[in-house]
Amino acid sequence: MMNNHSTRWGLALALAAVLGVSCGGGSDDGAATNKADWEKKHASAVKVVSEDIDRSVQALNAGQRPVVLSECTQLKDDLADAKKAVPVPDPAVDAALSSALAATETAMNTCVEGGRVASDASIVEKAQREMKTAREQYDAAQKAIEAWQ
């Protein structure tokens, strides 16, 4: 049999649990639950990174060190926002986008290094190869997003 103190403690715990969930204290931080919600929250950030990849590739191909550094630094900033798009409620999109973001991060890091050490052609060439992989991964992610029902 519970005493009065135990009953109050149990009620306090139950109330705390209810308030925690209703006030955002749970694990759900406003994550998207469907495609429309996800696109509303994250599609623009994902698109910006795709555009950044293309600009970074153009800069790498042109070999203009200050532009490479600028574009790849912008990619770094935008990538941080795009990473908030995962996890995606659709497993196929989540896997494809996670791979694209990982490939992009690898390419971005090499690109920034190539912008800083422009005298080392091998770093720039590595960045170009990695950007090509990132572009391919991003294209695959875009196809998965389009196929998502």
N, C-alpha and C. Protein backbone atom coordinates (compact mmCIF):
# COMPACT_ATOMS: atom_id res chain seq x y z
N MET A 1 0.84 -1.18 0.00
CA MET A 1 0.00 0.00 0.00
C MET A 1 0.88 1.24 0.00
N MET A 2 0.55 2.23 -0.81
CA MET A 2 1.36 3.44 -0.93
C MET A 2 0.94 4.46 0.10
N ASN A 3 1.92 5.13 0.71
CA ASN A 3 1.57 6.19 1.64
C ASN A 3 1.36 7.48 0.87
N ASN A 4 0.96 8.51 1.56
CA ASN A 4 0.64 9.78 0.93
C ASN A 4 1.85 10.38 0.21
N HIS A 5 3.03 10.23 0.78
CA HIS A 5 4.26 10.74 0.16
C HIS A 5 4.54 10.01 -1.16
N SER A 6 4.37 8.70 -1.17
CA SER A 6 4.62 7.92 -2.38
C SER A 6 3.64 8.29 -3.49
N THR A 7 2.40 8.54 -3.13
CA THR A 7 1.38 8.92 -4.12
C THR A 7 1.74 10.27 -4.74
N ARG A 8 2.15 11.21 -3.92
CA ARG A 8 2.53 12.54 -4.43
C ARG A 8 3.76 12.43 -5.35
N TRP A 9 4.73 11.61 -4.93
CA TRP A 9 5.95 11.43 -5.73
C TRP A 9 5.59 10.83 -7.09
N GLY A 10 4.71 9.83 -7.08
CA GLY A 10 4.28 9.19 -8.33
C GLY A 10 3.55 10.19 -9.22
N LEU A 11 2.70 11.01 -8.65
CA LEU A 11 1.99 12.03 -9.43
C LEU A 11 2.96 13.07 -9.98
N ALA A 12 3.95 13.45 -9.19
CA ALA A 12 4.94 14.43 -9.65
C ALA A 12 5.74 13.87 -10.82
N LEU A 13 6.13 12.59 -10.75
CA LEU A 13 6.86 11.98 -11.86
C LEU A 13 6.00 11.89 -13.11
N ALA A 14 4.74 11.52 -12.94
CA ALA A 14 3.83 11.43 -14.09
C ALA A 14 3.64 12.80 -14.72
N LEU A 15 3.46 13.83 -13.88
CA LEU A 15 3.28 15.19 -14.40
C LEU A 15 4.54 15.66 -15.11
N ALA A 16 5.69 15.37 -14.56
CA ALA A 16 6.96 15.76 -15.19
C ALA A 16 7.10 15.08 -16.55
N ALA A 17 6.72 13.82 -16.63
CA ALA A 17 6.82 13.10 -17.90
C ALA A 17 5.89 13.72 -18.94
N VAL A 18 4.67 14.05 -18.54
CA VAL A 18 3.72 14.66 -19.47
C VAL A 18 4.21 16.03 -19.91
N LEU A 19 4.67 16.85 -18.98
CA LEU A 19 5.17 18.18 -19.33
C LEU A 19 6.42 18.10 -20.18
N GLY A 20 7.28 17.16 -19.88
CA GLY A 20 8.50 17.00 -20.67
C GLY A 20 8.21 16.70 -22.11
N VAL A 21 7.27 15.83 -22.37
CA VAL A 21 6.92 15.46 -23.74
C VAL A 21 6.18 16.61 -24.42
N SER A 22 5.24 17.25 -23.74
CA SER A 22 4.45 18.30 -24.39
C SER A 22 5.23 19.58 -24.58
N CYS A 23 6.26 19.81 -23.80
CA CYS A 23 7.03 21.04 -23.91
C CYS A 23 8.32 20.86 -24.69
N GLY A 24 8.44 19.76 -25.38
CA GLY A 24 9.62 19.56 -26.20
C GLY A 24 10.77 18.94 -25.46
N GLY A 25 10.53 18.42 -24.29
CA GLY A 25 11.59 17.80 -23.52
C GLY A 25 11.90 16.39 -24.00
N GLY A 26 11.10 15.87 -24.92
CA GLY A 26 11.33 14.53 -25.45
C GLY A 26 12.45 14.55 -26.47
N SER A 27 12.64 13.43 -27.14
CA SER A 27 13.74 13.34 -28.09
C SER A 27 13.40 13.96 -29.44
N ASP A 28 12.12 14.20 -29.71
CA ASP A 28 11.73 14.77 -31.00
C ASP A 28 12.01 16.26 -31.00
N ASP A 29 12.93 16.71 -31.80
CA ASP A 29 13.30 18.12 -31.85
C ASP A 29 12.67 18.82 -33.05
N GLY A 30 11.47 18.40 -33.40
CA GLY A 30 10.81 19.01 -34.54
C GLY A 30 11.20 18.35 -35.85
N ALA A 31 11.66 17.11 -35.78
CA ALA A 31 12.07 16.41 -36.99
C ALA A 31 10.87 16.21 -37.91
N ALA A 32 11.15 16.23 -39.19
CA ALA A 32 10.11 16.03 -40.18
C ALA A 32 9.59 14.60 -40.10
N THR A 33 8.29 14.44 -40.40
CA THR A 33 7.68 13.12 -40.34
C THR A 33 7.20 12.63 -41.70
N ASN A 34 7.20 13.52 -42.69
CA ASN A 34 6.77 13.13 -44.04
C ASN A 34 7.52 13.99 -45.07
N LYS A 35 7.31 13.69 -46.35
CA LYS A 35 8.06 14.37 -47.40
C LYS A 35 7.77 15.87 -47.43
N ALA A 36 6.51 16.24 -47.37
CA ALA A 36 6.16 17.67 -47.45
C ALA A 36 6.79 18.45 -46.30
N ASP A 37 6.73 17.90 -45.12
CA ASP A 37 7.31 18.55 -43.95
C ASP A 37 8.83 18.64 -44.08
N TRP A 38 9.45 17.54 -44.52
CA TRP A 38 10.90 17.52 -44.69
C TRP A 38 11.33 18.54 -45.73
N GLU A 39 10.63 18.58 -46.86
CA GLU A 39 10.99 19.54 -47.92
C GLU A 39 10.84 20.97 -47.45
N LYS A 40 9.79 21.24 -46.70
CA LYS A 40 9.57 22.59 -46.17
C LYS A 40 10.73 23.01 -45.27
N LYS A 41 11.21 22.07 -44.47
CA LYS A 41 12.26 22.38 -43.50
C LYS A 41 13.67 22.35 -44.09
N HIS A 42 13.92 21.45 -45.07
CA HIS A 42 15.30 21.17 -45.46
C HIS A 42 15.64 21.25 -46.94
N ALA A 43 14.67 21.26 -47.81
CA ALA A 43 14.97 21.19 -49.25
C ALA A 43 15.86 22.33 -49.72
N SER A 44 15.64 23.54 -49.21
CA SER A 44 16.45 24.67 -49.69
C SER A 44 17.91 24.51 -49.26
N ALA A 45 18.16 24.03 -48.06
CA ALA A 45 19.55 23.84 -47.60
C ALA A 45 20.25 22.76 -48.42
N VAL A 46 19.51 21.71 -48.77
CA VAL A 46 20.08 20.64 -49.60
C VAL A 46 20.39 21.17 -50.99
N LYS A 47 19.50 21.98 -51.53
CA LYS A 47 19.71 22.56 -52.87
C LYS A 47 20.92 23.49 -52.89
N VAL A 48 21.07 24.29 -51.85
CA VAL A 48 22.20 25.23 -51.79
C VAL A 48 23.53 24.48 -51.83
N VAL A 49 23.62 23.37 -51.12
CA VAL A 49 24.86 22.59 -51.13
C VAL A 49 25.13 22.05 -52.52
N SER A 50 24.10 21.61 -53.21
CA SER A 50 24.27 21.13 -54.58
C SER A 50 24.84 22.22 -55.47
N GLU A 51 24.32 23.43 -55.32
CA GLU A 51 24.84 24.57 -56.10
C GLU A 51 26.26 24.92 -55.69
N ASP A 52 26.56 24.82 -54.39
CA ASP A 52 27.92 25.08 -53.90
C ASP A 52 28.92 24.09 -54.50
N ILE A 53 28.51 22.83 -54.63
CA ILE A 53 29.39 21.82 -55.23
C ILE A 53 29.77 22.26 -56.64
N ASP A 54 28.78 22.67 -57.42
CA ASP A 54 29.04 23.09 -58.80
C ASP A 54 29.97 24.31 -58.85
N ARG A 55 29.75 25.28 -57.98
CA ARG A 55 30.62 26.47 -57.96
C ARG A 55 32.03 26.12 -57.51
N SER A 56 32.14 25.20 -56.56
CA SER A 56 33.46 24.77 -56.10
C SER A 56 34.22 24.06 -57.21
N VAL A 57 33.52 23.23 -57.96
CA VAL A 57 34.16 22.53 -59.09
C VAL A 57 34.63 23.54 -60.13
N GLN A 58 33.80 24.52 -60.45
CA GLN A 58 34.20 25.56 -61.41
C GLN A 58 35.44 26.29 -60.93
N ALA A 59 35.48 26.61 -59.65
CA ALA A 59 36.63 27.32 -59.09
C ALA A 59 37.89 26.44 -59.14
N LEU A 60 37.74 25.17 -58.79
CA LEU A 60 38.88 24.26 -58.85
C LEU A 60 39.40 24.13 -60.27
N ASN A 61 38.48 24.01 -61.23
CA ASN A 61 38.88 23.86 -62.63
C ASN A 61 39.55 25.12 -63.17
N ALA A 62 39.13 26.28 -62.67
CA ALA A 62 39.73 27.54 -63.12
C ALA A 62 41.08 27.79 -62.45
N GLY A 63 41.31 27.12 -61.32
CA GLY A 63 42.59 27.25 -60.64
C GLY A 63 42.84 28.59 -59.97
N GLN A 64 41.77 29.28 -59.62
CA GLN A 64 41.92 30.58 -58.97
C GLN A 64 41.85 30.38 -57.46
N ARG A 65 43.02 30.40 -56.83
CA ARG A 65 43.15 30.10 -55.41
C ARG A 65 42.17 30.86 -54.52
N PRO A 66 42.05 32.19 -54.62
CA PRO A 66 41.14 32.90 -53.72
C PRO A 66 39.68 32.48 -53.93
N VAL A 67 39.31 32.19 -55.18
CA VAL A 67 37.95 31.78 -55.49
C VAL A 67 37.70 30.37 -54.96
N VAL A 68 38.69 29.49 -55.11
CA VAL A 68 38.57 28.13 -54.57
C VAL A 68 38.34 28.19 -53.07
N LEU A 69 39.15 28.95 -52.40
CA LEU A 69 39.04 29.06 -50.94
C LEU A 69 37.69 29.64 -50.54
N SER A 70 37.24 30.66 -51.26
CA SER A 70 35.95 31.28 -50.97
C SER A 70 34.79 30.32 -51.19
N GLU A 71 34.77 29.66 -52.34
CA GLU A 71 33.67 28.75 -52.66
C GLU A 71 33.64 27.54 -51.73
N CYS A 72 34.81 27.00 -51.44
CA CYS A 72 34.85 25.81 -50.59
C CYS A 72 34.54 26.15 -49.13
N THR A 73 34.88 27.35 -48.71
CA THR A 73 34.51 27.80 -47.37
C THR A 73 33.00 28.01 -47.29
N GLN A 74 32.42 28.56 -48.35
CA GLN A 74 30.97 28.71 -48.38
C GLN A 74 30.29 27.35 -48.34
N LEU A 75 30.84 26.39 -49.06
CA LEU A 75 30.31 25.03 -49.05
C LEU A 75 30.35 24.47 -47.62
N LYS A 76 31.43 24.73 -46.93
CA LYS A 76 31.56 24.26 -45.54
C LYS A 76 30.44 24.83 -44.68
N ASP A 77 30.18 26.12 -44.80
CA ASP A 77 29.12 26.76 -44.01
C ASP A 77 27.75 26.19 -44.36
N ASP A 78 27.47 26.05 -45.64
CA ASP A 78 26.17 25.56 -46.08
C ASP A 78 25.98 24.08 -45.76
N LEU A 79 27.05 23.33 -45.77
CA LEU A 79 26.98 21.91 -45.46
C LEU A 79 26.51 21.70 -44.02
N ALA A 80 26.93 22.57 -43.13
CA ALA A 80 26.49 22.46 -41.73
C ALA A 80 24.97 22.55 -41.64
N ASP A 81 24.36 23.44 -42.41
CA ASP A 81 22.89 23.55 -42.42
C ASP A 81 22.25 22.33 -43.06
N ALA A 82 22.82 21.85 -44.14
CA ALA A 82 22.24 20.71 -44.85
C ALA A 82 22.29 19.44 -44.00
N LYS A 83 23.27 19.33 -43.13
CA LYS A 83 23.37 18.14 -42.27
C LYS A 83 22.16 18.02 -41.34
N LYS A 84 21.48 19.12 -41.11
CA LYS A 84 20.28 19.09 -40.27
C LYS A 84 19.13 18.37 -40.97
N ALA A 85 19.27 18.11 -42.26
CA ALA A 85 18.23 17.44 -43.04
C ALA A 85 18.18 15.94 -42.79
N VAL A 86 19.20 15.40 -42.13
CA VAL A 86 19.20 13.97 -41.80
C VAL A 86 19.05 13.82 -40.29
N PRO A 87 18.36 12.81 -39.85
CA PRO A 87 17.81 11.72 -40.64
C PRO A 87 16.55 12.14 -41.40
N VAL A 88 16.34 11.49 -42.52
CA VAL A 88 15.17 11.71 -43.35
C VAL A 88 14.17 10.61 -43.01
N PRO A 89 12.87 10.93 -42.95
CA PRO A 89 11.88 9.89 -42.61
C PRO A 89 11.86 8.70 -43.57
N ASP A 90 12.27 8.89 -44.81
CA ASP A 90 12.30 7.81 -45.78
C ASP A 90 13.68 7.16 -45.75
N PRO A 91 13.76 5.85 -45.47
CA PRO A 91 15.07 5.18 -45.35
C PRO A 91 15.95 5.27 -46.59
N ALA A 92 15.35 5.16 -47.78
CA ALA A 92 16.15 5.23 -49.01
C ALA A 92 16.73 6.62 -49.20
N VAL A 93 15.94 7.63 -48.95
CA VAL A 93 16.43 9.02 -49.06
C VAL A 93 17.47 9.29 -47.98
N ASP A 94 17.22 8.80 -46.79
CA ASP A 94 18.16 9.00 -45.69
C ASP A 94 19.53 8.42 -46.03
N ALA A 95 19.54 7.20 -46.56
CA ALA A 95 20.81 6.56 -46.92
C ALA A 95 21.52 7.32 -48.03
N ALA A 96 20.76 7.70 -49.06
CA ALA A 96 21.36 8.41 -50.20
C ALA A 96 21.88 9.78 -49.80
N LEU A 97 21.08 10.51 -49.03
CA LEU A 97 21.50 11.86 -48.64
C LEU A 97 22.65 11.81 -47.64
N SER A 98 22.61 10.85 -46.74
CA SER A 98 23.73 10.72 -45.79
C SER A 98 25.04 10.45 -46.53
N SER A 99 24.99 9.59 -47.55
CA SER A 99 26.19 9.31 -48.35
C SER A 99 26.64 10.55 -49.10
N ALA A 100 25.69 11.29 -49.65
CA ALA A 100 26.03 12.51 -50.39
C ALA A 100 26.67 13.54 -49.47
N LEU A 101 26.12 13.70 -48.29
CA LEU A 101 26.68 14.68 -47.35
C LEU A 101 28.07 14.27 -46.89
N ALA A 102 28.28 12.98 -46.66
CA ALA A 102 29.60 12.50 -46.26
C ALA A 102 30.62 12.71 -47.38
N ALA A 103 30.23 12.39 -48.61
CA ALA A 103 31.14 12.59 -49.75
C ALA A 103 31.44 14.07 -49.94
N THR A 104 30.44 14.90 -49.73
CA THR A 104 30.62 16.34 -49.88
C THR A 104 31.56 16.89 -48.81
N GLU A 105 31.42 16.38 -47.60
CA GLU A 105 32.31 16.84 -46.53
C GLU A 105 33.76 16.47 -46.82
N THR A 106 33.97 15.27 -47.31
CA THR A 106 35.32 14.83 -47.68
C THR A 106 35.90 15.75 -48.76
N ALA A 107 35.09 15.99 -49.80
CA ALA A 107 35.54 16.84 -50.90
C ALA A 107 35.78 18.27 -50.44
N MET A 108 34.90 18.76 -49.59
CA MET A 108 35.03 20.14 -49.10
C MET A 108 36.32 20.31 -48.30
N ASN A 109 36.62 19.35 -47.45
CA ASN A 109 37.85 19.46 -46.66
C ASN A 109 39.08 19.49 -47.56
N THR A 110 39.12 18.65 -48.57
CA THR A 110 40.26 18.64 -49.50
C THR A 110 40.28 19.92 -50.32
N CYS A 111 39.11 20.40 -50.69
CA CYS A 111 39.01 21.64 -51.47
C CYS A 111 39.56 22.83 -50.68
N VAL A 112 39.18 22.93 -49.42
CA VAL A 112 39.70 24.02 -48.58
C VAL A 112 41.22 23.91 -48.48
N GLU A 113 41.71 22.71 -48.28
CA GLU A 113 43.16 22.50 -48.22
C GLU A 113 43.81 22.90 -49.55
N GLY A 114 43.19 22.52 -50.66
CA GLY A 114 43.71 22.90 -51.97
C GLY A 114 43.71 24.39 -52.18
N GLY A 115 42.72 25.08 -51.64
CA GLY A 115 42.68 26.54 -51.73
C GLY A 115 43.77 27.19 -50.91
N ARG A 116 44.11 26.57 -49.80
CA ARG A 116 45.16 27.11 -48.93
C ARG A 116 46.56 26.82 -49.48
N VAL A 117 46.74 25.64 -50.07
CA VAL A 117 48.04 25.21 -50.56
C VAL A 117 47.95 25.02 -52.08
N ALA A 118 47.68 26.09 -52.77
CA ALA A 118 47.44 26.01 -54.21
C ALA A 118 48.66 25.54 -54.99
N SER A 119 49.83 25.61 -54.37
CA SER A 119 51.04 25.21 -55.08
C SER A 119 51.15 23.68 -55.22
N ASP A 120 50.32 22.94 -54.48
CA ASP A 120 50.36 21.48 -54.55
C ASP A 120 49.22 21.00 -55.44
N ALA A 121 49.55 20.76 -56.71
CA ALA A 121 48.54 20.36 -57.70
C ALA A 121 47.86 19.05 -57.32
N SER A 122 48.56 18.17 -56.62
CA SER A 122 47.96 16.87 -56.28
C SER A 122 46.76 17.04 -55.35
N ILE A 123 46.80 18.04 -54.48
CA ILE A 123 45.66 18.28 -53.58
C ILE A 123 44.47 18.80 -54.37
N VAL A 124 44.72 19.71 -55.28
CA VAL A 124 43.64 20.24 -56.12
C VAL A 124 43.04 19.13 -56.96
N GLU A 125 43.89 18.28 -57.53
CA GLU A 125 43.39 17.15 -58.33
C GLU A 125 42.57 16.19 -57.49
N LYS A 126 43.01 15.96 -56.26
CA LYS A 126 42.26 15.09 -55.35
C LYS A 126 40.90 15.72 -55.04
N ALA A 127 40.89 17.02 -54.82
CA ALA A 127 39.63 17.73 -54.55
C ALA A 127 38.68 17.61 -55.74
N GLN A 128 39.23 17.72 -56.94
CA GLN A 128 38.39 17.59 -58.14
C GLN A 128 37.77 16.20 -58.22
N ARG A 129 38.55 15.18 -57.94
CA ARG A 129 38.02 13.80 -57.97
C ARG A 129 36.94 13.61 -56.90
N GLU A 130 37.21 14.14 -55.73
CA GLU A 130 36.25 13.99 -54.63
C GLU A 130 34.97 14.80 -54.89
N MET A 131 35.11 15.95 -55.53
CA MET A 131 33.93 16.73 -55.89
C MET A 131 33.09 15.99 -56.93
N LYS A 132 33.75 15.29 -57.83
CA LYS A 132 33.03 14.49 -58.83
C LYS A 132 32.22 13.40 -58.12
N THR A 133 32.82 12.76 -57.13
CA THR A 133 32.12 11.74 -56.36
C THR A 133 30.96 12.36 -55.59
N ALA A 134 31.21 13.52 -54.99
CA ALA A 134 30.15 14.21 -54.24
C ALA A 134 28.98 14.55 -55.17
N ARG A 135 29.29 15.04 -56.38
CA ARG A 135 28.24 15.38 -57.35
C ARG A 135 27.42 14.14 -57.70
N GLU A 136 28.09 13.01 -57.93
CA GLU A 136 27.39 11.76 -58.26
C GLU A 136 26.50 11.32 -57.11
N GLN A 137 27.02 11.41 -55.89
CA GLN A 137 26.23 11.03 -54.71
C GLN A 137 25.03 11.96 -54.54
N TYR A 138 25.26 13.24 -54.79
CA TYR A 138 24.18 14.22 -54.66
C TYR A 138 23.10 13.98 -55.71
N ASP A 139 23.52 13.64 -56.93
CA ASP A 139 22.55 13.33 -57.98
C ASP A 139 21.72 12.11 -57.59
N ALA A 140 22.35 11.11 -57.01
CA ALA A 140 21.63 9.91 -56.56
C ALA A 140 20.65 10.26 -55.44
N ALA A 141 21.07 11.14 -54.54
CA ALA A 141 20.18 11.57 -53.46
C ALA A 141 18.98 12.33 -54.02
N GLN A 142 19.23 13.18 -55.00
CA GLN A 142 18.14 13.93 -55.62
C GLN A 142 17.13 12.99 -56.28
N LYS A 143 17.62 11.95 -56.94
CA LYS A 143 16.72 10.97 -57.55
C LYS A 143 15.90 10.25 -56.48
N ALA A 144 16.53 9.94 -55.35
CA ALA A 144 15.81 9.28 -54.25
C ALA A 144 14.74 10.21 -53.69
N ILE A 145 15.07 11.49 -53.57
CA ILE A 145 14.08 12.46 -53.06
C ILE A 145 12.90 12.55 -54.03
N GLU A 146 13.19 12.61 -55.32
CA GLU A 146 12.13 12.69 -56.32
C GLU A 146 11.26 11.44 -56.30
N ALA A 147 11.82 10.28 -56.04
CA ALA A 147 11.07 9.02 -56.02
C ALA A 147 10.28 8.82 -54.72
N TRP A 148 10.63 9.57 -53.71
CA TRP A 148 9.99 9.45 -52.39
C TRP A 148 8.52 9.80 -52.51
N GLN A 149 7.67 8.91 -52.08
CA GLN A 149 6.21 9.14 -52.15
C GLN A 149 5.71 9.87 -50.95
